[in-house]
Amino acid sequence: MLSYPLNIFDSKRNTKEEKKLYKKLVAKFKSLIENWGGLRPIRSLIEDVFKLAKKTCNMENLHRYTKRSVKKYCSLAVFLTGAVIAFSISDKKMLQRLAES
């Protein structure tokens, strides 16, 4: 059972479009949740990539104090993670082994 967000009940707003969007989102969510089994491998792959990024690019402890510094650091880490995956990983098992080491 899903209910409308609280902003739908604001009498000062025109909520017809928001209700339509919400109903569309709920229908999409219900269709995706029924096929959750098919999405599990994708989620597993995403988690392995994040684990790899955290370990190989030292993203576990992000000690940066300015927005610019965080942006640079994270952009470099994403680039390096992508390069590692593109040039050295040919299958999911190899990705998992690299992420675990």
PDB file of N, CA and C in Angstrom:
ATOM      1  N   MET A   1       0.845  -1.182   0.000  1.00  0.00           N
ATOM      2  CA  MET A   1       0.000   0.000   0.000  1.00  0.00           C
ATOM      3  C   MET A   1       0.886   1.239   0.000  1.00  0.00           C
ATOM      4  N   LEU A   2       0.761   2.043  -1.024  1.00  0.00           N
ATOM      5  CA  LEU A   2       1.524   3.277  -1.127  1.00  0.00           C
ATOM      6  C   LEU A   2       0.559   4.450  -1.082  1.00  0.00           C
ATOM      7  N   SER A   3       0.959   5.492  -0.374  1.00  0.00           N
ATOM      8  CA  SER A   3       0.084   6.664  -0.276  1.00  0.00           C
ATOM      9  C   SER A   3       0.773   7.878  -0.886  1.00  0.00           C
ATOM     10  N   TYR A   4      -0.020   8.894  -1.170  1.00  0.00           N
ATOM     11  CA  TYR A   4       0.494  10.113  -1.775  1.00  0.00           C
ATOM     12  C   TYR A   4       1.488  10.801  -0.849  1.00  0.00           C
ATOM     13  N   PRO A   5       2.459  11.531  -1.419  1.00  0.00           N
ATOM     14  CA  PRO A   5       3.333  12.361  -0.585  1.00  0.00           C
ATOM     15  C   PRO A   5       2.536  13.502   0.041  1.00  0.00           C
ATOM     16  N   LEU A   6       3.040  14.055   1.106  1.00  0.00           N
ATOM     17  CA  LEU A   6       2.301  15.076   1.843  1.00  0.00           C
ATOM     18  C   LEU A   6       2.015  16.332   1.040  1.00  0.00           C
ATOM     19  N   ASN A   7       2.879  16.687   0.103  1.00  0.00           N
ATOM     20  CA  ASN A   7       2.631  17.924  -0.650  1.00  0.00           C
ATOM     21  C   ASN A   7       1.383  17.840  -1.529  1.00  0.00           C
ATOM     22  N   ILE A   8       0.858  16.664  -1.765  1.00  0.00           N
ATOM     23  CA  ILE A   8      -0.387  16.499  -2.528  1.00  0.00           C
ATOM     24  C   ILE A   8      -1.568  17.113  -1.761  1.00  0.00           C
ATOM     25  N   PHE A   9      -1.486  17.122  -0.465  1.00  0.00           N
ATOM     26  CA  PHE A   9      -2.599  17.598   0.358  1.00  0.00           C
ATOM     27  C   PHE A   9      -2.570  19.102   0.608  1.00  0.00           C
ATOM     28  N   ASP A  10      -1.661  19.806  -0.031  1.00  0.00           N
ATOM     29  CA  ASP A  10      -1.585  21.259   0.100  1.00  0.00           C
ATOM     30  C   ASP A  10      -2.681  21.876  -0.766  1.00  0.00           C
ATOM     31  N   SER A  11      -3.614  22.565  -0.146  1.00  0.00           N
ATOM     32  CA  SER A  11      -4.770  23.098  -0.876  1.00  0.00           C
ATOM     33  C   SER A  11      -4.411  24.264  -1.793  1.00  0.00           C
ATOM     34  N   LYS A  12      -3.246  24.848  -1.635  1.00  0.00           N
ATOM     35  CA  LYS A  12      -2.858  25.998  -2.442  1.00  0.00           C
ATOM     36  C   LYS A  12      -2.231  25.589  -3.773  1.00  0.00           C
ATOM     37  N   ARG A  13      -1.972  24.320  -3.955  1.00  0.00           N
ATOM     38  CA  ARG A  13      -1.289  23.857  -5.156  1.00  0.00           C
ATOM     39  C   ARG A  13      -2.256  23.153  -6.092  1.00  0.00           C
ATOM     40  N   ASN A  14      -1.958  23.189  -7.367  1.00  0.00           N
ATOM     41  CA  ASN A  14      -2.689  22.411  -8.346  1.00  0.00           C
ATOM     42  C   ASN A  14      -2.013  21.045  -8.393  1.00  0.00           C
ATOM     43  N   THR A  15      -2.661  20.039  -7.886  1.00  0.00           N
ATOM     44  CA  THR A  15      -2.002  18.748  -7.686  1.00  0.00           C
ATOM     45  C   THR A  15      -2.389  17.685  -8.717  1.00  0.00           C
ATOM     46  N   LYS A  16      -3.168  18.036  -9.717  1.00  0.00           N
ATOM     47  CA  LYS A  16      -3.578  17.043 -10.718  1.00  0.00           C
ATOM     48  C   LYS A  16      -2.367  16.407 -11.401  1.00  0.00           C
ATOM     49  N   GLU A  17      -1.439  17.241 -11.862  1.00  0.00           N
ATOM     50  CA  GLU A  17      -0.253  16.734 -12.555  1.00  0.00           C
ATOM     51  C   GLU A  17       0.624  15.909 -11.605  1.00  0.00           C
ATOM     52  N   GLU A  18       0.744  16.365 -10.373  1.00  0.00           N
ATOM     53  CA  GLU A  18       1.551  15.631  -9.398  1.00  0.00           C
ATOM     54  C   GLU A  18       0.935  14.263  -9.100  1.00  0.00           C
ATOM     55  N   LYS A  19      -0.386  14.206  -9.035  1.00  0.00           N
ATOM     56  CA  LYS A  19      -1.055  12.927  -8.804  1.00  0.00           C
ATOM     57  C   LYS A  19      -0.850  11.979  -9.978  1.00  0.00           C
ATOM     58  N   LYS A  20      -0.924  12.515 -11.201  1.00  0.00           N
ATOM     59  CA  LYS A  20      -0.691  11.690 -12.387  1.00  0.00           C
ATOM     60  C   LYS A  20       0.727  11.128 -12.378  1.00  0.00           C
ATOM     61  N   LEU A  21       1.692  12.002 -12.096  1.00  0.00           N
ATOM     62  CA  LEU A  21       3.081  11.572 -12.041  1.00  0.00           C
ATOM     63  C   LEU A  21       3.279  10.514 -10.957  1.00  0.00           C
ATOM     64  N   TYR A  22       2.686  10.731  -9.802  1.00  0.00           N
ATOM     65  CA  TYR A  22       2.821   9.781  -8.696  1.00  0.00           C
ATOM     66  C   TYR A  22       2.219   8.427  -9.074  1.00  0.00           C
ATOM     67  N   LYS A  23       1.041   8.428  -9.688  1.00  0.00           N
ATOM     68  CA  LYS A  23       0.415   7.173 -10.096  1.00  0.00           C
ATOM     69  C   LYS A  23       1.270   6.446 -11.130  1.00  0.00           C
ATOM     70  N   LYS A  24       1.885   7.217 -12.044  1.00  0.00           N
ATOM     71  CA  LYS A  24       2.756   6.623 -13.046  1.00  0.00           C
ATOM     72  C   LYS A  24       3.997   5.992 -12.384  1.00  0.00           C
ATOM     73  N   LEU A  25       4.560   6.704 -11.417  1.00  0.00           N
ATOM     74  CA  LEU A  25       5.724   6.191 -10.705  1.00  0.00           C
ATOM     75  C   LEU A  25       5.389   4.927  -9.912  1.00  0.00           C
ATOM     76  N   VAL A  26       4.237   4.916  -9.270  1.00  0.00           N
ATOM     77  CA  VAL A  26       3.823   3.740  -8.496  1.00  0.00           C
ATOM     78  C   VAL A  26       3.628   2.543  -9.432  1.00  0.00           C
ATOM     79  N   ALA A  27       2.998   2.768 -10.576  1.00  0.00           N
ATOM     80  CA  ALA A  27       2.799   1.673 -11.531  1.00  0.00           C
ATOM     81  C   ALA A  27       4.139   1.137 -12.031  1.00  0.00           C
ATOM     82  N   LYS A  28       5.073   2.031 -12.321  1.00  0.00           N
ATOM     83  CA  LYS A  28       6.412   1.616 -12.774  1.00  0.00           C
ATOM     84  C   LYS A  28       7.119   0.833 -11.668  1.00  0.00           C
ATOM     85  N   PHE A  29       7.025   1.320 -10.439  1.00  0.00           N
ATOM     86  CA  PHE A  29       7.645   0.636  -9.308  1.00  0.00           C
ATOM     87  C   PHE A  29       7.063  -0.763  -9.136  1.00  0.00           C
ATOM     88  N   LYS A  30       5.761  -0.885  -9.224  1.00  0.00           N
ATOM     89  CA  LYS A  30       5.120  -2.196  -9.055  1.00  0.00           C
ATOM     90  C   LYS A  30       5.549  -3.167 -10.155  1.00  0.00           C
ATOM     91  N   SER A  31       5.679  -2.672 -11.374  1.00  0.00           N
ATOM     92  CA  SER A  31       6.116  -3.567 -12.453  1.00  0.00           C
ATOM     93  C   SER A  31       7.572  -3.989 -12.262  1.00  0.00           C
ATOM     94  N   LEU A  32       8.410  -3.073 -11.775  1.00  0.00           N
ATOM     95  CA  LEU A  32       9.812  -3.419 -11.544  1.00  0.00           C
ATOM     96  C   LEU A  32       9.983  -4.362 -10.354  1.00  0.00           C
ATOM     97  N   ILE A  33       9.198  -4.159  -9.318  1.00  0.00           N
ATOM     98  CA  ILE A  33       9.341  -4.993  -8.123  1.00  0.00           C
ATOM     99  C   ILE A  33       8.899  -6.427  -8.400  1.00  0.00           C
ATOM    100  N   GLU A  34       7.970  -6.601  -9.343  1.00  0.00           N
ATOM    101  CA  GLU A  34       7.553  -7.953  -9.723  1.00  0.00           C
ATOM    102  C   GLU A  34       8.685  -8.693 -10.436  1.00  0.00           C
ATOM    103  N   ASN A  35       9.536  -7.958 -11.124  1.00  0.00           N
ATOM    104  CA  ASN A  35      10.649  -8.548 -11.864  1.00  0.00           C
ATOM    105  C   ASN A  35      11.978  -8.362 -11.130  1.00  0.00           C
ATOM    106  N   TRP A  36      11.937  -8.292  -9.815  1.00  0.00           N
ATOM    107  CA  TRP A  36      13.128  -8.034  -9.016  1.00  0.00           C
ATOM    108  C   TRP A  36      14.208  -9.094  -9.254  1.00  0.00           C
ATOM    109  N   GLY A  37      13.806 -10.323  -9.481  1.00  0.00           N
ATOM    110  CA  GLY A  37      14.772 -11.388  -9.720  1.00  0.00           C
ATOM    111  C   GLY A  37      15.676 -11.087 -10.899  1.00  0.00           C
ATOM    112  N   GLY A  38      15.142 -10.455 -11.920  1.00  0.00           N
ATOM    113  CA  GLY A  38      15.933 -10.107 -13.091  1.00  0.00           C
ATOM    114  C   GLY A  38      16.875  -8.938 -12.849  1.00  0.00           C
ATOM    115  N   LEU A  39      16.576  -8.122 -11.848  1.00  0.00           N
ATOM    116  CA  LEU A  39      17.406  -6.957 -11.553  1.00  0.00           C
ATOM    117  C   LEU A  39      18.520  -7.258 -10.550  1.00  0.00           C
ATOM    118  N   ARG A  40      18.426  -8.376  -9.849  1.00  0.00           N
ATOM    119  CA  ARG A  40      19.424  -8.704  -8.830  1.00  0.00           C
ATOM    120  C   ARG A  40      20.844  -8.805  -9.382  1.00  0.00           C
ATOM    121  N   PRO A  41      21.057  -9.442 -10.542  1.00  0.00           N
ATOM    122  CA  PRO A  41      22.428  -9.488 -11.069  1.00  0.00           C
ATOM    123  C   PRO A  41      22.983  -8.100 -11.387  1.00  0.00           C
ATOM    124  N   ILE A  42      22.121  -7.210 -11.850  1.00  0.00           N
ATOM    125  CA  ILE A  42      22.558  -5.848 -12.156  1.00  0.00           C
ATOM    126  C   ILE A  42      22.957  -5.135 -10.868  1.00  0.00           C
ATOM    127  N   ARG A  43      22.155  -5.301  -9.830  1.00  0.00           N
ATOM    128  CA  ARG A  43      22.470  -4.686  -8.538  1.00  0.00           C
ATOM    129  C   ARG A  43      23.787  -5.235  -7.998  1.00  0.00           C
ATOM    130  N   SER A  44      23.984  -6.524  -8.131  1.00  0.00           N
ATOM    131  CA  SER A  44      25.221  -7.150  -7.673  1.00  0.00           C
ATOM    132  C   SER A  44      26.425  -6.569  -8.405  1.00  0.00           C
ATOM    133  N   LEU A  45      26.296  -6.378  -9.699  1.00  0.00           N
ATOM    134  CA  LEU A  45      27.376  -5.802 -10.496  1.00  0.00           C
ATOM    135  C   LEU A  45      27.678  -4.370 -10.047  1.00  0.00           C
ATOM    136  N   ILE A  46      26.642  -3.586  -9.807  1.00  0.00           N
ATOM    137  CA  ILE A  46      26.817  -2.202  -9.349  1.00  0.00           C
ATOM    138  C   ILE A  46      27.525  -2.184  -7.997  1.00  0.00           C
ATOM    139  N   GLU A  47      27.137  -3.074  -7.094  1.00  0.00           N
ATOM    140  CA  GLU A  47      27.778  -3.132  -5.782  1.00  0.00           C
ATOM    141  C   GLU A  47      29.245  -3.514  -5.902  1.00  0.00           C
ATOM    142  N   ASP A  48      29.571  -4.429  -6.821  1.00  0.00           N
ATOM    143  CA  ASP A  48      30.972  -4.807  -7.028  1.00  0.00           C
ATOM    144  C   ASP A  48      31.791  -3.635  -7.565  1.00  0.00           C
ATOM    145  N   VAL A  49      31.213  -2.861  -8.466  1.00  0.00           N
ATOM    146  CA  VAL A  49      31.920  -1.698  -9.005  1.00  0.00           C
ATOM    147  C   VAL A  49      32.173  -0.676  -7.905  1.00  0.00           C
ATOM    148  N   PHE A  50      31.180  -0.426  -7.042  1.00  0.00           N
ATOM    149  CA  PHE A  50      31.375   0.518  -5.947  1.00  0.00           C
ATOM    150  C   PHE A  50      32.427   0.010  -4.959  1.00  0.00           C
ATOM    151  N   LYS A  51      32.405  -1.270  -4.702  1.00  0.00           N
ATOM    152  CA  LYS A  51      33.398  -1.851  -3.793  1.00  0.00           C
ATOM    153  C   LYS A  51      34.797  -1.687  -4.388  1.00  0.00           C
ATOM    154  N   LEU A  52      34.922  -1.927  -5.681  1.00  0.00           N
ATOM    155  CA  LEU A  52      36.201  -1.745  -6.362  1.00  0.00           C
ATOM    156  C   LEU A  52      36.659  -0.289  -6.272  1.00  0.00           C
ATOM    157  N   ALA A  53      35.744   0.633  -6.505  1.00  0.00           N
ATOM    158  CA  ALA A  53      36.089   2.061  -6.438  1.00  0.00           C
ATOM    159  C   ALA A  53      36.555   2.447  -5.041  1.00  0.00           C
ATOM    160  N   LYS A  54      35.868   1.939  -4.041  1.00  0.00           N
ATOM    161  CA  LYS A  54      36.242   2.279  -2.668  1.00  0.00           C
ATOM    162  C   LYS A  54      37.618   1.744  -2.311  1.00  0.00           C
ATOM    163  N   LYS A  55      37.901   0.520  -2.703  1.00  0.00           N
ATOM    164  CA  LYS A  55      39.169  -0.091  -2.300  1.00  0.00           C
ATOM    165  C   LYS A  55      40.342   0.339  -3.166  1.00  0.00           C
ATOM    166  N   THR A  56      40.201   0.284  -4.482  1.00  0.00           N
ATOM    167  CA  THR A  56      41.350   0.575  -5.342  1.00  0.00           C
ATOM    168  C   THR A  56      41.631   2.057  -5.479  1.00  0.00           C
ATOM    169  N   CYS A  57      40.620   2.880  -5.351  1.00  0.00           N
ATOM    170  CA  CYS A  57      40.820   4.325  -5.515  1.00  0.00           C
ATOM    171  C   CYS A  57      40.773   5.060  -4.180  1.00  0.00           C
ATOM    172  N   ASN A  58      40.881   4.310  -3.100  1.00  0.00           N
ATOM    173  CA  ASN A  58      40.935   4.884  -1.757  1.00  0.00           C
ATOM    174  C   ASN A  58      39.739   5.797  -1.464  1.00  0.00           C
ATOM    175  N   MET A  59      38.551   5.325  -1.795  1.00  0.00           N
ATOM    176  CA  MET A  59      37.340   6.123  -1.574  1.00  0.00           C
ATOM    177  C   MET A  59      36.646   5.783  -0.258  1.00  0.00           C
ATOM    178  N   GLU A  60      37.241   4.893   0.543  1.00  0.00           N
ATOM    179  CA  GLU A  60      36.592   4.518   1.800  1.00  0.00           C
ATOM    180  C   GLU A  60      36.523   5.695   2.766  1.00  0.00           C
ATOM    181  N   ASN A  61      37.601   6.442   2.848  1.00  0.00           N
ATOM    182  CA  ASN A  61      37.637   7.604   3.750  1.00  0.00           C
ATOM    183  C   ASN A  61      37.855   8.850   2.915  1.00  0.00           C
ATOM    184  N   LEU A  62      36.794   9.541   2.663  1.00  0.00           N
ATOM    185  CA  LEU A  62      36.851  10.734   1.821  1.00  0.00           C
ATOM    186  C   LEU A  62      36.973  11.957   2.730  1.00  0.00           C
ATOM    187  N   HIS A  63      38.193  12.380   2.965  1.00  0.00           N
ATOM    188  CA  HIS A  63      38.427  13.533   3.830  1.00  0.00           C
ATOM    189  C   HIS A  63      38.762  14.742   2.969  1.00  0.00           C
ATOM    190  N   ARG A  64      37.753  15.406   2.522  1.00  0.00           N
ATOM    191  CA  ARG A  64      37.887  16.615   1.725  1.00  0.00           C
ATOM    192  C   ARG A  64      36.957  17.654   2.345  1.00  0.00           C
ATOM    193  N   TYR A  65      37.345  18.911   2.247  1.00  0.00           N
ATOM    194  CA  TYR A  65      36.601  19.933   2.982  1.00  0.00           C
ATOM    195  C   TYR A  65      35.972  21.007   2.110  1.00  0.00           C
ATOM    196  N   THR A  66      36.238  20.971   0.820  1.00  0.00           N
ATOM    197  CA  THR A  66      35.582  21.933  -0.066  1.00  0.00           C
ATOM    198  C   THR A  66      34.864  21.164  -1.169  1.00  0.00           C
ATOM    199  N   LYS A  67      33.843  21.784  -1.690  1.00  0.00           N
ATOM    200  CA  LYS A  67      33.063  21.151  -2.756  1.00  0.00           C
ATOM    201  C   LYS A  67      33.938  20.896  -3.984  1.00  0.00           C
ATOM    202  N   ARG A  68      34.800  21.835  -4.294  1.00  0.00           N
ATOM    203  CA  ARG A  68      35.686  21.699  -5.448  1.00  0.00           C
ATOM    204  C   ARG A  68      36.635  20.512  -5.272  1.00  0.00           C
ATOM    205  N   SER A  69      37.172  20.368  -4.077  1.00  0.00           N
ATOM    206  CA  SER A  69      38.091  19.271  -3.794  1.00  0.00           C
ATOM    207  C   SER A  69      37.382  17.919  -3.898  1.00  0.00           C
ATOM    208  N   VAL A  70      36.177  17.829  -3.368  1.00  0.00           N
ATOM    209  CA  VAL A  70      35.398  16.582  -3.444  1.00  0.00           C
ATOM    210  C   VAL A  70      35.093  16.254  -4.897  1.00  0.00           C
ATOM    211  N   LYS A  71      34.721  17.254  -5.668  1.00  0.00           N
ATOM    212  CA  LYS A  71      34.384  17.045  -7.075  1.00  0.00           C
ATOM    213  C   LYS A  71      35.592  16.513  -7.852  1.00  0.00           C
ATOM    214  N   LYS A  72      36.761  17.117  -7.635  1.00  0.00           N
ATOM    215  CA  LYS A  72      37.970  16.656  -8.310  1.00  0.00           C
ATOM    216  C   LYS A  72      38.314  15.229  -7.906  1.00  0.00           C
ATOM    217  N   TYR A  73      38.302  14.971  -6.624  1.00  0.00           N
ATOM    218  CA  TYR A  73      38.688  13.663  -6.098  1.00  0.00           C
ATOM    219  C   TYR A  73      37.755  12.561  -6.604  1.00  0.00           C
ATOM    220  N   CYS A  74      36.457  12.825  -6.532  1.00  0.00           N
ATOM    221  CA  CYS A  74      35.479  11.824  -6.982  1.00  0.00           C
ATOM    222  C   CYS A  74      35.527  11.626  -8.494  1.00  0.00           C
ATOM    223  N   SER A  75      35.713  12.691  -9.239  1.00  0.00           N
ATOM    224  CA  SER A  75      35.807  12.573 -10.696  1.00  0.00           C
ATOM    225  C   SER A  75      37.008  11.732 -11.088  1.00  0.00           C
ATOM    226  N   LEU A  76      38.142  11.966 -10.438  1.00  0.00           N
ATOM    227  CA  LEU A  76      39.333  11.178 -10.719  1.00  0.00           C
ATOM    228  C   LEU A  76      39.115   9.710 -10.344  1.00  0.00           C
ATOM    229  N   ALA A  77      38.474   9.469  -9.202  1.00  0.00           N
ATOM    230  CA  ALA A  77      38.223   8.091  -8.768  1.00  0.00           C
ATOM    231  C   ALA A  77      37.301   7.368  -9.745  1.00  0.00           C
ATOM    232  N   VAL A  78      36.276   8.040 -10.238  1.00  0.00           N
ATOM    233  CA  VAL A  78      35.357   7.429 -11.208  1.00  0.00           C
ATOM    234  C   VAL A  78      36.100   7.127 -12.505  1.00  0.00           C
ATOM    235  N   PHE A  79      36.930   8.068 -12.945  1.00  0.00           N
ATOM    236  CA  PHE A  79      37.713   7.841 -14.159  1.00  0.00           C
ATOM    237  C   PHE A  79      38.649   6.648 -13.995  1.00  0.00           C
ATOM    238  N   LEU A  80      39.371   6.601 -12.894  1.00  0.00           N
ATOM    239  CA  LEU A  80      40.311   5.506 -12.663  1.00  0.00           C
ATOM    240  C   LEU A  80      39.601   4.165 -12.535  1.00  0.00           C
ATOM    241  N   THR A  81      38.463   4.150 -11.858  1.00  0.00           N
ATOM    242  CA  THR A  81      37.686   2.911 -11.736  1.00  0.00           C
ATOM    243  C   THR A  81      37.240   2.437 -13.113  1.00  0.00           C
ATOM    244  N   GLY A  82      36.763   3.342 -13.928  1.00  0.00           N
ATOM    245  CA  GLY A  82      36.356   2.993 -15.291  1.00  0.00           C
ATOM    246  C   GLY A  82      37.517   2.462 -16.112  1.00  0.00           C
ATOM    247  N   ALA A  83      38.683   3.079 -15.951  1.00  0.00           N
ATOM    248  CA  ALA A  83      39.864   2.623 -16.681  1.00  0.00           C
ATOM    249  C   ALA A  83      40.280   1.232 -16.230  1.00  0.00           C
ATOM    250  N   VAL A  84      40.268   0.990 -14.931  1.00  0.00           N
ATOM    251  CA  VAL A  84      40.628  -0.330 -14.411  1.00  0.00           C
ATOM    252  C   VAL A  84      39.674  -1.385 -14.957  1.00  0.00           C
ATOM    253  N   ILE A  85      38.398  -1.078 -14.942  1.00  0.00           N
ATOM    254  CA  ILE A  85      37.400  -2.037 -15.437  1.00  0.00           C
ATOM    255  C   ILE A  85      37.567  -2.259 -16.946  1.00  0.00           C
ATOM    256  N   ALA A  86      37.754  -1.188 -17.684  1.00  0.00           N
ATOM    257  CA  ALA A  86      37.847  -1.304 -19.139  1.00  0.00           C
ATOM    258  C   ALA A  86      39.088  -2.061 -19.606  1.00  0.00           C
ATOM    259  N   PHE A  87      40.209  -1.866 -18.914  1.00  0.00           N
ATOM    260  CA  PHE A  87      41.463  -2.437 -19.397  1.00  0.00           C
ATOM    261  C   PHE A  87      41.868  -3.744 -18.742  1.00  0.00           C
ATOM    262  N   SER A  88      41.253  -4.105 -17.615  1.00  0.00           N
ATOM    263  CA  SER A  88      41.767  -5.300 -16.943  1.00  0.00           C
ATOM    264  C   SER A  88      40.715  -6.308 -16.510  1.00  0.00           C
ATOM    265  N   ILE A  89      39.453  -6.012 -16.707  1.00  0.00           N
ATOM    266  CA  ILE A  89      38.423  -6.927 -16.231  1.00  0.00           C
ATOM    267  C   ILE A  89      37.601  -7.415 -17.410  1.00  0.00           C
ATOM    268  N   SER A  90      37.554  -8.740 -17.541  1.00  0.00           N
ATOM    269  CA  SER A  90      36.827  -9.297 -18.670  1.00  0.00           C
ATOM    270  C   SER A  90      35.515  -9.968 -18.274  1.00  0.00           C
ATOM    271  N   ASP A  91      35.350 -10.301 -16.986  1.00  0.00           N
ATOM    272  CA  ASP A  91      34.095 -10.920 -16.550  1.00  0.00           C
ATOM    273  C   ASP A  91      33.793 -10.567 -15.093  1.00  0.00           C
ATOM    274  N   LYS A  92      32.610 -10.941 -14.660  1.00  0.00           N
ATOM    275  CA  LYS A  92      32.140 -10.582 -13.322  1.00  0.00           C
ATOM    276  C   LYS A  92      32.993 -11.216 -12.225  1.00  0.00           C
ATOM    277  N   LYS A  93      33.452 -12.438 -12.427  1.00  0.00           N
ATOM    278  CA  LYS A  93      34.271 -13.100 -11.406  1.00  0.00           C
ATOM    279  C   LYS A  93      35.579 -12.364 -11.188  1.00  0.00           C
ATOM    280  N   MET A  94      36.155 -11.891 -12.258  1.00  0.00           N
ATOM    281  CA  MET A  94      37.400 -11.130 -12.139  1.00  0.00           C
ATOM    282  C   MET A  94      37.152  -9.819 -11.385  1.00  0.00           C
ATOM    283  N   LEU A  95      36.024  -9.170 -11.678  1.00  0.00           N
ATOM    284  CA  LEU A  95      35.642  -7.949 -10.962  1.00  0.00           C
ATOM    285  C   LEU A  95      35.488  -8.220  -9.481  1.00  0.00           C
ATOM    286  N   GLN A  96      34.798  -9.304  -9.132  1.00  0.00           N
ATOM    287  CA  GLN A  96      34.602  -9.651  -7.722  1.00  0.00           C
ATOM    288  C   GLN A  96      35.934  -9.929  -7.038  1.00  0.00           C
ATOM    289  N   ARG A  97      36.826 -10.666  -7.696  1.00  0.00           N
ATOM    290  CA  ARG A  97      38.130 -10.955  -7.097  1.00  0.00           C
ATOM    291  C   ARG A  97      38.930  -9.692  -6.857  1.00  0.00           C
ATOM    292  N   LEU A  98      38.903  -8.783  -7.825  1.00  0.00           N
ATOM    293  CA  LEU A  98      39.642  -7.536  -7.676  1.00  0.00           C
ATOM    294  C   LEU A  98      39.032  -6.663  -6.581  1.00  0.00           C
ATOM    295  N   ALA A  99      37.715  -6.657  -6.477  1.00  0.00           N
ATOM    296  CA  ALA A  99      37.046  -5.852  -5.455  1.00  0.00           C
ATOM    297  C   ALA A  99      37.299  -6.406  -4.054  1.00  0.00           C
ATOM    298  N   GLU A 100      37.454  -7.705  -3.938  1.00  0.00           N
ATOM    299  CA  GLU A 100      37.681  -8.324  -2.629  1.00  0.00           C
ATOM    300  C   GLU A 100      39.120  -8.197  -2.158  1.00  0.00           C
ATOM    301  N   SER A 101      40.064  -8.057  -3.087  1.00  0.00           N
ATOM    302  CA  SER A 101      41.471  -8.042  -2.678  1.00  0.00           C
ATOM    303  C   SER A 101      41.904  -6.704  -2.130  1.00  0.00           C
TER     304      SER A 101
END
